[in-house]
PDB file of N, CA and C in Angstrom:
ATOM      1  N   MET A   1     -12.163   8.414  -8.099  1.00  0.00           N
ATOM      2  CA  MET A   1     -11.835   9.491  -7.189  1.00  0.00           C
ATOM      3  C   MET A   1     -11.201   8.993  -5.890  1.00  0.00           C
ATOM      4  N   ASP A   2     -11.592   7.777  -5.480  1.00  0.00           N
ATOM      5  CA  ASP A   2     -11.068   7.246  -4.216  1.00  0.00           C
ATOM      6  C   ASP A   2      -9.560   7.001  -4.268  1.00  0.00           C
ATOM      7  N   ALA A   3      -9.006   6.874  -5.445  1.00  0.00           N
ATOM      8  CA  ALA A   3      -7.554   6.715  -5.565  1.00  0.00           C
ATOM      9  C   ALA A   3      -6.818   7.993  -5.182  1.00  0.00           C
ATOM     10  N   TYR A   4      -7.517   9.113  -5.219  1.00  0.00           N
ATOM     11  CA  TYR A   4      -6.896  10.413  -4.968  1.00  0.00           C
ATOM     12  C   TYR A   4      -7.365  11.070  -3.668  1.00  0.00           C
ATOM     13  N   ILE A   5      -8.600  10.777  -3.273  1.00  0.00           N
ATOM     14  CA  ILE A   5      -9.183  11.377  -2.066  1.00  0.00           C
ATOM     15  C   ILE A   5      -9.797  10.265  -1.224  1.00  0.00           C
ATOM     16  N   ASN A   6      -9.584  10.311   0.067  1.00  0.00           N
ATOM     17  CA  ASN A   6     -10.097   9.264   0.953  1.00  0.00           C
ATOM     18  C   ASN A   6     -11.614   9.356   1.058  1.00  0.00           C
ATOM     19  N   ILE A   7     -12.279   8.546   0.249  1.00  0.00           N
ATOM     20  CA  ILE A   7     -13.736   8.488   0.262  1.00  0.00           C
ATOM     21  C   ILE A   7     -14.212   7.266   1.036  1.00  0.00           C
ATOM     22  N   THR A   8     -13.509   6.142   0.880  1.00  0.00           N
ATOM     23  CA  THR A   8     -13.989   4.873   1.447  1.00  0.00           C
ATOM     24  C   THR A   8     -13.156   4.360   2.621  1.00  0.00           C
ATOM     25  N   GLY A   9     -12.237   5.154   3.127  1.00  0.00           N
ATOM     26  CA  GLY A   9     -11.443   4.719   4.272  1.00  0.00           C
ATOM     27  C   GLY A   9     -10.059   4.254   3.877  1.00  0.00           C
ATOM     28  N   TYR A  10      -9.290   3.848   4.887  1.00  0.00           N
ATOM     29  CA  TYR A  10      -7.892   3.480   4.672  1.00  0.00           C
ATOM     30  C   TYR A  10      -7.708   2.063   4.133  1.00  0.00           C
ATOM     31  N   HIS A  11      -8.665   1.189   4.363  1.00  0.00           N
ATOM     32  CA  HIS A  11      -8.570  -0.204   3.912  1.00  0.00           C
ATOM     33  C   HIS A  11      -7.345  -0.905   4.489  1.00  0.00           C
ATOM     34  N   CYS A  12      -7.193  -0.759   5.788  1.00  0.00           N
ATOM     35  CA  CYS A  12      -6.151  -1.453   6.542  1.00  0.00           C
ATOM     36  C   CYS A  12      -6.852  -2.542   7.349  1.00  0.00           C
ATOM     37  N   TYR A  13      -6.143  -3.614   7.615  1.00  0.00           N
ATOM     38  CA  TYR A  13      -6.784  -4.759   8.244  1.00  0.00           C
ATOM     39  C   TYR A  13      -5.955  -5.258   9.414  1.00  0.00           C
ATOM     40  N   ASN A  14      -6.659  -5.603  10.497  1.00  0.00           N
ATOM     41  CA  ASN A  14      -5.919  -6.167  11.623  1.00  0.00           C
ATOM     42  C   ASN A  14      -5.708  -7.663  11.383  1.00  0.00           C
ATOM     43  N   TYR A  15      -4.743  -8.194  12.058  1.00  0.00           N
ATOM     44  CA  TYR A  15      -4.352  -9.581  11.848  1.00  0.00           C
ATOM     45  C   TYR A  15      -5.484 -10.547  12.186  1.00  0.00           C
ATOM     46  N   GLU A  16      -6.257 -10.241  13.207  1.00  0.00           N
ATOM     47  CA  GLU A  16      -7.360 -11.124  13.611  1.00  0.00           C
ATOM     48  C   GLU A  16      -8.421 -11.214  12.526  1.00  0.00           C
ATOM     49  N   PHE A  17      -8.676 -10.112  11.831  1.00  0.00           N
ATOM     50  CA  PHE A  17      -9.651 -10.116  10.737  1.00  0.00           C
ATOM     51  C   PHE A  17      -9.194 -11.058   9.626  1.00  0.00           C
ATOM     52  N   ILE A  18      -7.929 -10.990   9.272  1.00  0.00           N
ATOM     53  CA  ILE A  18      -7.398 -11.820   8.193  1.00  0.00           C
ATOM     54  C   ILE A  18      -7.334 -13.280   8.626  1.00  0.00           C
ATOM     55  N   LYS A  19      -7.065 -13.490   9.904  1.00  0.00           N
ATOM     56  CA  LYS A  19      -6.857 -14.843  10.445  1.00  0.00           C
ATOM     57  C   LYS A  19      -8.162 -15.636  10.606  1.00  0.00           C
ATOM     58  N   LYS A  20      -9.311 -14.999  10.406  1.00  0.00           N
ATOM     59  CA  LYS A  20     -10.604 -15.638  10.645  1.00  0.00           C
ATOM     60  C   LYS A  20     -10.827 -16.914   9.854  1.00  0.00           C
ATOM     61  N   GLU A  21     -10.364 -16.953   8.637  1.00  0.00           N
ATOM     62  CA  GLU A  21     -10.594 -18.141   7.821  1.00  0.00           C
ATOM     63  C   GLU A  21      -9.311 -18.571   7.110  1.00  0.00           C
ATOM     64  N   PHE A  22      -9.239 -19.858   6.867  1.00  0.00           N
ATOM     65  CA  PHE A  22      -8.080 -20.418   6.176  1.00  0.00           C
ATOM     66  C   PHE A  22      -8.577 -21.164   4.952  1.00  0.00           C
ATOM     67  N   PRO A  23      -7.960 -21.056   3.789  1.00  0.00           N
ATOM     68  CA  PRO A  23      -6.759 -20.269   3.535  1.00  0.00           C
ATOM     69  C   PRO A  23      -7.048 -18.781   3.705  1.00  0.00           C
ATOM     70  N   TYR A  24      -6.008 -18.058   4.076  1.00  0.00           N
ATOM     71  CA  TYR A  24      -6.155 -16.647   4.387  1.00  0.00           C
ATOM     72  C   TYR A  24      -6.497 -15.835   3.145  1.00  0.00           C
ATOM     73  N   ASN A  25      -7.426 -14.937   3.330  1.00  0.00           N
ATOM     74  CA  ASN A  25      -7.774 -13.978   2.287  1.00  0.00           C
ATOM     75  C   ASN A  25      -7.163 -12.650   2.722  1.00  0.00           C
ATOM     76  N   ILE A  26      -6.098 -12.251   2.061  1.00  0.00           N
ATOM     77  CA  ILE A  26      -5.426 -11.007   2.418  1.00  0.00           C
ATOM     78  C   ILE A  26      -5.965  -9.924   1.477  1.00  0.00           C
ATOM     79  N   PRO A  27      -6.913  -9.138   1.962  1.00  0.00           N
ATOM     80  CA  PRO A  27      -7.548  -8.163   1.070  1.00  0.00           C
ATOM     81  C   PRO A  27      -6.593  -7.045   0.664  1.00  0.00           C
ATOM     82  N   SER A  28      -6.832  -6.519  -0.501  1.00  0.00           N
ATOM     83  CA  SER A  28      -5.997  -5.406  -0.954  1.00  0.00           C
ATOM     84  C   SER A  28      -6.430  -4.125  -0.252  1.00  0.00           C
ATOM     85  N   SER A  29      -5.486  -3.260  -0.053  1.00  0.00           N
ATOM     86  CA  SER A  29      -5.768  -1.944   0.513  1.00  0.00           C
ATOM     87  C   SER A  29      -5.879  -0.909  -0.603  1.00  0.00           C
ATOM     88  N   ARG A  30      -4.961  -1.009  -1.552  1.00  0.00           N
ATOM     89  CA  ARG A  30      -4.907  -0.012  -2.617  1.00  0.00           C
ATOM     90  C   ARG A  30      -4.189  -0.591  -3.820  1.00  0.00           C
ATOM     91  N   PHE A  31      -4.751  -0.378  -4.987  1.00  0.00           N
ATOM     92  CA  PHE A  31      -4.071  -0.686  -6.238  1.00  0.00           C
ATOM     93  C   PHE A  31      -3.242   0.542  -6.596  1.00  0.00           C
ATOM     94  N   LEU A  32      -1.961   0.336  -6.825  1.00  0.00           N
ATOM     95  CA  LEU A  32      -1.083   1.445  -7.192  1.00  0.00           C
ATOM     96  C   LEU A  32      -1.266   1.730  -8.677  1.00  0.00           C
ATOM     97  N   ARG A  33      -2.082   2.718  -8.954  1.00  0.00           N
ATOM     98  CA  ARG A  33      -2.358   3.088 -10.345  1.00  0.00           C
ATOM     99  C   ARG A  33      -1.108   3.694 -10.963  1.00  0.00           C
ATOM    100  N   SER A  34      -0.836   3.280 -12.175  1.00  0.00           N
ATOM    101  CA  SER A  34       0.349   3.794 -12.853  1.00  0.00           C
ATOM    102  C   SER A  34       0.136   5.256 -13.258  1.00  0.00           C
ATOM    103  N   TYR A  35       1.241   5.911 -13.518  1.00  0.00           N
ATOM    104  CA  TYR A  35       1.238   7.313 -13.917  1.00  0.00           C
ATOM    105  C   TYR A  35       0.456   7.473 -15.217  1.00  0.00           C
ATOM    106  N   ASN A  36      -0.366   8.505 -15.251  1.00  0.00           N
ATOM    107  CA  ASN A  36      -1.149   8.819 -16.438  1.00  0.00           C
ATOM    108  C   ASN A  36      -1.002  10.314 -16.707  1.00  0.00           C
ATOM    109  N   LYS A  37      -0.505  10.661 -17.876  1.00  0.00           N
ATOM    110  CA  LYS A  37      -0.257  12.074 -18.188  1.00  0.00           C
ATOM    111  C   LYS A  37      -1.513  12.925 -18.046  1.00  0.00           C
ATOM    112  N   LYS A  38      -2.667  12.368 -18.412  1.00  0.00           N
ATOM    113  CA  LYS A  38      -3.927  13.124 -18.314  1.00  0.00           C
ATOM    114  C   LYS A  38      -4.250  13.518 -16.876  1.00  0.00           C
ATOM    115  N   PHE A  39      -3.833  12.682 -15.939  1.00  0.00           N
ATOM    116  CA  PHE A  39      -4.137  12.922 -14.527  1.00  0.00           C
ATOM    117  C   PHE A  39      -2.903  13.315 -13.729  1.00  0.00           C
ATOM    118  N   SER A  40      -1.877  13.774 -14.411  1.00  0.00           N
ATOM    119  CA  SER A  40      -0.614  14.089 -13.728  1.00  0.00           C
ATOM    120  C   SER A  40      -0.795  15.143 -12.635  1.00  0.00           C
ATOM    121  N   PHE A  41      -1.752  16.024 -12.801  1.00  0.00           N
ATOM    122  CA  PHE A  41      -1.990  17.060 -11.793  1.00  0.00           C
ATOM    123  C   PHE A  41      -2.549  16.468 -10.493  1.00  0.00           C
ATOM    124  N   LEU A  42      -2.968  15.188 -10.524  1.00  0.00           N
ATOM    125  CA  LEU A  42      -3.504  14.525  -9.330  1.00  0.00           C
ATOM    126  C   LEU A  42      -2.501  13.574  -8.670  1.00  0.00           C
ATOM    127  N   GLU A  43      -1.310  13.442  -9.260  1.00  0.00           N
ATOM    128  CA  GLU A  43      -0.317  12.496  -8.731  1.00  0.00           C
ATOM    129  C   GLU A  43       0.000  12.748  -7.258  1.00  0.00           C
ATOM    130  N   GLY A  44       0.150  13.996  -6.884  1.00  0.00           N
ATOM    131  CA  GLY A  44       0.446  14.321  -5.491  1.00  0.00           C
ATOM    132  C   GLY A  44      -0.636  13.836  -4.545  1.00  0.00           C
ATOM    133  N   LEU A  45      -1.890  13.962  -4.955  1.00  0.00           N
ATOM    134  CA  LEU A  45      -2.996  13.481  -4.131  1.00  0.00           C
ATOM    135  C   LEU A  45      -2.972  11.959  -3.996  1.00  0.00           C
ATOM    136  N   LYS A  46      -2.657  11.279  -5.087  1.00  0.00           N
ATOM    137  CA  LYS A  46      -2.597   9.815  -5.063  1.00  0.00           C
ATOM    138  C   LYS A  46      -1.524   9.335  -4.085  1.00  0.00           C
ATOM    139  N   ILE A  47      -0.342   9.936  -4.170  1.00  0.00           N
ATOM    140  CA  ILE A  47       0.754   9.551  -3.279  1.00  0.00           C
ATOM    141  C   ILE A  47       0.398   9.884  -1.834  1.00  0.00           C
ATOM    142  N   ARG A  48      -0.174  11.040  -1.620  1.00  0.00           N
ATOM    143  CA  ARG A  48      -0.583  11.445  -0.264  1.00  0.00           C
ATOM    144  C   ARG A  48      -1.604  10.469   0.310  1.00  0.00           C
ATOM    145  N   ARG A  49      -2.543  10.030  -0.509  1.00  0.00           N
ATOM    146  CA  ARG A  49      -3.570   9.078  -0.072  1.00  0.00           C
ATOM    147  C   ARG A  49      -2.916   7.771   0.386  1.00  0.00           C
ATOM    148  N   ILE A  50      -1.963   7.272  -0.380  1.00  0.00           N
ATOM    149  CA  ILE A  50      -1.271   6.034  -0.030  1.00  0.00           C
ATOM    150  C   ILE A  50      -0.448   6.214   1.236  1.00  0.00           C
ATOM    151  N   LYS A  51       0.295   7.302   1.322  1.00  0.00           N
ATOM    152  CA  LYS A  51       1.144   7.541   2.498  1.00  0.00           C
ATOM    153  C   LYS A  51       0.311   7.658   3.772  1.00  0.00           C
ATOM    154  N   LYS A  52      -0.815   8.343   3.699  1.00  0.00           N
ATOM    155  CA  LYS A  52      -1.660   8.483   4.889  1.00  0.00           C
ATOM    156  C   LYS A  52      -2.200   7.129   5.342  1.00  0.00           C
ATOM    157  N   ALA A  53      -2.595   6.291   4.392  1.00  0.00           N
ATOM    158  CA  ALA A  53      -3.100   4.970   4.745  1.00  0.00           C
ATOM    159  C   ALA A  53      -1.986   4.103   5.324  1.00  0.00           C
ATOM    160  N   MET A  54      -0.801   4.184   4.747  1.00  0.00           N
ATOM    161  CA  MET A  54       0.338   3.448   5.288  1.00  0.00           C
ATOM    162  C   MET A  54       0.644   3.897   6.713  1.00  0.00           C
ATOM    163  N   THR A  55       0.607   5.187   6.947  1.00  0.00           N
ATOM    164  CA  THR A  55       0.870   5.733   8.278  1.00  0.00           C
ATOM    165  C   THR A  55      -0.175   5.246   9.268  1.00  0.00           C
ATOM    166  N   HIS A  56      -1.425   5.244   8.849  1.00  0.00           N
ATOM    167  CA  HIS A  56      -2.505   4.740   9.703  1.00  0.00           C
ATOM    168  C   HIS A  56      -2.232   3.279  10.079  1.00  0.00           C
ATOM    169  N   ALA A  57      -1.881   2.466   9.078  1.00  0.00           N
ATOM    170  CA  ALA A  57      -1.602   1.052   9.331  1.00  0.00           C
ATOM    171  C   ALA A  57      -0.403   0.885  10.268  1.00  0.00           C
ATOM    172  N   ALA A  58       0.634   1.669  10.047  1.00  0.00           N
ATOM    173  CA  ALA A  58       1.836   1.569  10.893  1.00  0.00           C
ATOM    174  C   ALA A  58       1.513   1.920  12.337  1.00  0.00           C
ATOM    175  N   LYS A  59       0.790   3.000  12.549  1.00  0.00           N
ATOM    176  CA  LYS A  59       0.449   3.428  13.912  1.00  0.00           C
ATOM    177  C   LYS A  59      -0.436   2.423  14.632  1.00  0.00           C
ATOM    178  N   LYS A  60      -1.343   1.786  13.888  1.00  0.00           N
ATOM    179  CA  LYS A  60      -2.313   0.862  14.487  1.00  0.00           C
ATOM    180  C   LYS A  60      -1.858  -0.598  14.429  1.00  0.00           C
ATOM    181  N   LYS A  61      -0.630  -0.826  13.909  1.00  0.00           N
ATOM    182  CA  LYS A  61      -0.095  -2.198  13.784  1.00  0.00           C
ATOM    183  C   LYS A  61      -1.024  -3.069  12.933  1.00  0.00           C
ATOM    184  N   MET A  62      -1.400  -2.533  11.777  1.00  0.00           N
ATOM    185  CA  MET A  62      -2.312  -3.213  10.870  1.00  0.00           C
ATOM    186  C   MET A  62      -1.601  -3.561   9.561  1.00  0.00           C
ATOM    187  N   VAL A  63      -2.298  -4.308   8.729  1.00  0.00           N
ATOM    188  CA  VAL A  63      -1.790  -4.706   7.418  1.00  0.00           C
ATOM    189  C   VAL A  63      -2.278  -3.704   6.380  1.00  0.00           C
ATOM    190  N   TYR A  64      -1.349  -3.247   5.558  1.00  0.00           N
ATOM    191  CA  TYR A  64      -1.666  -2.408   4.404  1.00  0.00           C
ATOM    192  C   TYR A  64      -1.116  -3.128   3.190  1.00  0.00           C
ATOM    193  N   HIS A  65      -2.000  -3.508   2.286  1.00  0.00           N
ATOM    194  CA  HIS A  65      -1.630  -4.321   1.123  1.00  0.00           C
ATOM    195  C   HIS A  65      -1.704  -3.466  -0.148  1.00  0.00           C
ATOM    196  N   LEU A  66      -0.558  -2.916  -0.520  1.00  0.00           N
ATOM    197  CA  LEU A  66      -0.433  -2.134  -1.754  1.00  0.00           C
ATOM    198  C   LEU A  66       0.003  -3.093  -2.858  1.00  0.00           C
ATOM    199  N   TRP A  67      -0.715  -3.085  -3.969  1.00  0.00           N
ATOM    200  CA  TRP A  67      -0.385  -4.038  -5.026  1.00  0.00           C
ATOM    201  C   TRP A  67      -0.417  -3.393  -6.402  1.00  0.00           C
ATOM    202  N   TRP A  68       0.343  -4.011  -7.290  1.00  0.00           N
ATOM    203  CA  TRP A  68       0.357  -3.652  -8.701  1.00  0.00           C
ATOM    204  C   TRP A  68       1.031  -4.780  -9.451  1.00  0.00           C
ATOM    205  N   HIS A  69       0.995  -4.714 -10.748  1.00  0.00           N
ATOM    206  CA  HIS A  69       1.680  -5.691 -11.587  1.00  0.00           C
ATOM    207  C   HIS A  69       2.846  -4.994 -12.277  1.00  0.00           C
ATOM    208  N   PRO A  70       3.959  -5.679 -12.448  1.00  0.00           N
ATOM    209  CA  PRO A  70       5.123  -5.047 -13.096  1.00  0.00           C
ATOM    210  C   PRO A  70       4.807  -4.441 -14.455  1.00  0.00           C
ATOM    211  N   HIS A  71       3.902  -5.060 -15.210  1.00  0.00           N
ATOM    212  CA  HIS A  71       3.599  -4.498 -16.522  1.00  0.00           C
ATOM    213  C   HIS A  71       2.903  -3.139 -16.431  1.00  0.00           C
ATOM    214  N   ASN A  72       2.359  -2.809 -15.257  1.00  0.00           N
ATOM    215  CA  ASN A  72       1.745  -1.490 -15.080  1.00  0.00           C
ATOM    216  C   ASN A  72       2.774  -0.369 -15.175  1.00  0.00           C
ATOM    217  N   PHE A  73       4.042  -0.702 -14.994  1.00  0.00           N
ATOM    218  CA  PHE A  73       5.103   0.307 -15.051  1.00  0.00           C
ATOM    219  C   PHE A  73       5.778   0.354 -16.418  1.00  0.00           C
ATOM    220  N   GLY A  74       5.236  -0.368 -17.391  1.00  0.00           N
ATOM    221  CA  GLY A  74       5.839  -0.457 -18.719  1.00  0.00           C
ATOM    222  C   GLY A  74       5.834   0.848 -19.495  1.00  0.00           C
ATOM    223  N   ARG A  75       4.835   1.663 -19.301  1.00  0.00           N
ATOM    224  CA  ARG A  75       4.772   2.992 -19.914  1.00  0.00           C
ATOM    225  C   ARG A  75       5.086   4.019 -18.837  1.00  0.00           C
ATOM    226  N   ASN A  76       5.630   5.126 -19.248  1.00  0.00           N
ATOM    227  CA  ASN A  76       5.976   6.201 -18.299  1.00  0.00           C
ATOM    228  C   ASN A  76       6.809   5.642 -17.144  1.00  0.00           C
ATOM    229  N   THR A  77       7.777   4.830 -17.496  1.00  0.00           N
ATOM    230  CA  THR A  77       8.571   4.112 -16.499  1.00  0.00           C
ATOM    231  C   THR A  77       9.242   5.050 -15.513  1.00  0.00           C
ATOM    232  N   GLN A  78       9.836   6.127 -15.990  1.00  0.00           N
ATOM    233  CA  GLN A  78      10.526   7.067 -15.092  1.00  0.00           C
ATOM    234  C   GLN A  78       9.564   7.641 -14.063  1.00  0.00           C
ATOM    235  N   GLU A  79       8.391   8.055 -14.501  1.00  0.00           N
ATOM    236  CA  GLU A  79       7.402   8.634 -13.586  1.00  0.00           C
ATOM    237  C   GLU A  79       6.920   7.597 -12.582  1.00  0.00           C
ATOM    238  N   ASN A  80       6.722   6.368 -13.043  1.00  0.00           N
ATOM    239  CA  ASN A  80       6.269   5.304 -12.146  1.00  0.00           C
ATOM    240  C   ASN A  80       7.327   4.941 -11.110  1.00  0.00           C
ATOM    241  N   ILE A  81       8.581   4.893 -11.527  1.00  0.00           N
ATOM    242  CA  ILE A  81       9.664   4.598 -10.584  1.00  0.00           C
ATOM    243  C   ILE A  81       9.800   5.734  -9.572  1.00  0.00           C
ATOM    244  N   LYS A  82       9.650   6.960 -10.021  1.00  0.00           N
ATOM    245  CA  LYS A  82       9.704   8.109  -9.101  1.00  0.00           C
ATOM    246  C   LYS A  82       8.590   8.004  -8.055  1.00  0.00           C
ATOM    247  N   MET A  83       7.388   7.633  -8.496  1.00  0.00           N
ATOM    248  CA  MET A  83       6.256   7.464  -7.594  1.00  0.00           C
ATOM    249  C   MET A  83       6.549   6.360  -6.577  1.00  0.00           C
ATOM    250  N   LEU A  84       7.067   5.237  -7.063  1.00  0.00           N
ATOM    251  CA  LEU A  84       7.391   4.124  -6.181  1.00  0.00           C
ATOM    252  C   LEU A  84       8.489   4.512  -5.193  1.00  0.00           C
ATOM    253  N   ASP A  85       9.448   5.296  -5.644  1.00  0.00           N
ATOM    254  CA  ASP A  85      10.525   5.757  -4.775  1.00  0.00           C
ATOM    255  C   ASP A  85       9.972   6.606  -3.626  1.00  0.00           C
ATOM    256  N   LEU A  86       9.020   7.461  -3.906  1.00  0.00           N
ATOM    257  CA  LEU A  86       8.399   8.279  -2.855  1.00  0.00           C
ATOM    258  C   LEU A  86       7.698   7.394  -1.825  1.00  0.00           C
ATOM    259  N   ILE A  87       7.016   6.378  -2.306  1.00  0.00           N
ATOM    260  CA  ILE A  87       6.307   5.458  -1.413  1.00  0.00           C
ATOM    261  C   ILE A  87       7.302   4.646  -0.586  1.00  0.00           C
ATOM    262  N   LEU A  88       8.354   4.164  -1.211  1.00  0.00           N
ATOM    263  CA  LEU A  88       9.359   3.379  -0.479  1.00  0.00           C
ATOM    264  C   LEU A  88      10.085   4.218   0.567  1.00  0.00           C
ATOM    265  N   ASN A  89      10.381   5.464   0.247  1.00  0.00           N
ATOM    266  CA  ASN A  89      11.005   6.343   1.238  1.00  0.00           C
ATOM    267  C   ASN A  89      10.087   6.539   2.437  1.00  0.00           C
ATOM    268  N   HIS A  90       8.799   6.643   2.187  1.00  0.00           N
ATOM    269  CA  HIS A  90       7.850   6.777   3.292  1.00  0.00           C
ATOM    270  C   HIS A  90       7.805   5.475   4.094  1.00  0.00           C
ATOM    271  N   TYR A  91       7.864   4.342   3.407  1.00  0.00           N
ATOM    272  CA  TYR A  91       7.913   3.068   4.112  1.00  0.00           C
ATOM    273  C   TYR A  91       9.120   3.014   5.055  1.00  0.00           C
ATOM    274  N   PHE A  92      10.297   3.400   4.569  1.00  0.00           N
ATOM    275  CA  PHE A  92      11.508   3.366   5.413  1.00  0.00           C
ATOM    276  C   PHE A  92      11.339   4.267   6.637  1.00  0.00           C
ATOM    277  N   TYR A  93      10.708   5.407   6.461  1.00  0.00           N
ATOM    278  CA  TYR A  93      10.421   6.307   7.574  1.00  0.00           C
ATOM    279  C   TYR A  93       9.506   5.606   8.588  1.00  0.00           C
ATOM    280  N   LEU A  94       8.444   4.976   8.106  1.00  0.00           N
ATOM    281  CA  LEU A  94       7.503   4.287   9.003  1.00  0.00           C
ATOM    282  C   LEU A  94       8.155   3.074   9.665  1.00  0.00           C
ATOM    283  N   ASN A  95       9.055   2.432   8.961  1.00  0.00           N
ATOM    284  CA  ASN A  95       9.769   1.295   9.516  1.00  0.00           C
ATOM    285  C   ASN A  95      10.612   1.727  10.708  1.00  0.00           C
ATOM    286  N   LYS A  96      11.328   2.831  10.558  1.00  0.00           N
ATOM    287  CA  LYS A  96      12.162   3.337  11.657  1.00  0.00           C
ATOM    288  C   LYS A  96      11.319   3.834  12.823  1.00  0.00           C
ATOM    289  N   LEU A  97      10.251   4.541  12.506  1.00  0.00           N
ATOM    290  CA  LEU A  97       9.441   5.179  13.544  1.00  0.00           C
ATOM    291  C   LEU A  97       8.526   4.197  14.283  1.00  0.00           C
ATOM    292  N   TYR A  98       7.890   3.272  13.543  1.00  0.00           N
ATOM    293  CA  TYR A  98       6.883   2.383  14.135  1.00  0.00           C
ATOM    294  C   TYR A  98       7.200   0.898  14.002  1.00  0.00           C
ATOM    295  N   GLY A  99       8.302   0.551  13.339  1.00  0.00           N
ATOM    296  CA  GLY A  99       8.592  -0.855  13.104  1.00  0.00           C
ATOM    297  C   GLY A  99       7.711  -1.456  12.016  1.00  0.00           C
ATOM    298  N   PHE A 100       7.150  -0.611  11.180  1.00  0.00           N
ATOM    299  CA  PHE A 100       6.301  -1.060  10.067  1.00  0.00           C
ATOM    300  C   PHE A 100       7.126  -1.967   9.167  1.00  0.00           C
ATOM    301  N   GLU A 101       6.556  -3.119   8.825  1.00  0.00           N
ATOM    302  CA  GLU A 101       7.325  -4.136   8.131  1.00  0.00           C
ATOM    303  C   GLU A 101       6.735  -4.435   6.762  1.00  0.00           C
ATOM    304  N   SER A 102       7.592  -4.622   5.784  1.00  0.00           N
ATOM    305  CA  SER A 102       7.178  -5.051   4.454  1.00  0.00           C
ATOM    306  C   SER A 102       7.422  -6.546   4.347  1.00  0.00           C
ATOM    307  N   VAL A 103       6.374  -7.287   4.035  1.00  0.00           N
ATOM    308  CA  VAL A 103       6.499  -8.740   3.906  1.00  0.00           C
ATOM    309  C   VAL A 103       5.735  -9.206   2.673  1.00  0.00           C
ATOM    310  N   THR A 104       6.127 -10.372   2.171  1.00  0.00           N
ATOM    311  CA  THR A 104       5.386 -10.975   1.074  1.00  0.00           C
ATOM    312  C   THR A 104       4.084 -11.569   1.624  1.00  0.00           C
ATOM    313  N   MET A 105       3.188 -11.899   0.735  1.00  0.00           N
ATOM    314  CA  MET A 105       1.940 -12.532   1.164  1.00  0.00           C
ATOM    315  C   MET A 105       2.228 -13.901   1.791  1.00  0.00           C
ATOM    316  N   GLN A 106       3.217 -14.605   1.267  1.00  0.00           N
ATOM    317  CA  GLN A 106       3.590 -15.893   1.844  1.00  0.00           C
ATOM    318  C   GLN A 106       4.096 -15.709   3.272  1.00  0.00           C
ATOM    319  N   ARG A 107       4.952 -14.716   3.475  1.00  0.00           N
ATOM    320  CA  ARG A 107       5.503 -14.467   4.822  1.00  0.00           C
ATOM    321  C   ARG A 107       4.387 -14.057   5.786  1.00  0.00           C
ATOM    322  N   LEU A 108       3.458 -13.245   5.332  1.00  0.00           N
ATOM    323  CA  LEU A 108       2.339 -12.851   6.183  1.00  0.00           C
ATOM    324  C   LEU A 108       1.516 -14.073   6.560  1.00  0.00           C
ATOM    325  N   SER A 109       1.277 -14.960   5.618  1.00  0.00           N
ATOM    326  CA  SER A 109       0.542 -16.203   5.917  1.00  0.00           C
ATOM    327  C   SER A 109       1.276 -17.044   6.954  1.00  0.00           C
ATOM    328  N   GLU A 110       2.588 -17.116   6.820  1.00  0.00           N
ATOM    329  CA  GLU A 110       3.397 -17.861   7.799  1.00  0.00           C
ATOM    330  C   GLU A 110       3.310 -17.213   9.168  1.00  0.00           C
ATOM    331  N   GLN A 111       3.343 -15.898   9.235  1.00  0.00           N
ATOM    332  CA  GLN A 111       3.234 -15.206  10.517  1.00  0.00           C
ATOM    333  C   GLN A 111       1.874 -15.437  11.152  1.00  0.00           C
ATOM    334  N   LEU A 112       0.817 -15.470  10.350  1.00  0.00           N
ATOM    335  CA  LEU A 112      -0.529 -15.688  10.874  1.00  0.00           C
ATOM    336  C   LEU A 112      -0.705 -17.112  11.381  1.00  0.00           C
ATOM    337  N   THR A 113      -0.001 -18.049  10.779  1.00  0.00           N
ATOM    338  CA  THR A 113      -0.107 -19.464  11.159  1.00  0.00           C
ATOM    339  C   THR A 113       0.666 -19.766  12.434  1.00  0.00           C
ATOM    340  N   ALA A 114       1.739 -19.016  12.663  1.00  0.00           N
ATOM    341  CA  ALA A 114       2.624 -19.285  13.817  1.00  0.00           C
ATOM    342  C   ALA A 114       1.927 -19.061  15.138  1.00  0.00           C
TER     343      ALA A 114
END
């Protein structure tokens, strides 16, 4: 249920929290669950949950770690790409509005070390 409704919080992390120990443990914020026809009526809630957490992270200058594996998009590819497109469009909006940045885990580690 937490994938669709905010039950456990945004799971965003400030840089100081991540920087506490080395090697850095960059915790995940959300696993991007692939499209499932049985739960298609909940897709809007899932996307809304991710966008709200991303917005929270952007406003607070925090890290939001959205992750998935490419093979998760192997079925229902069109629906999964559409979902990802909605998330990426929201990212571009947050980037313009708050300077929210998308970086690899390696780049984030380099930024924390600098």
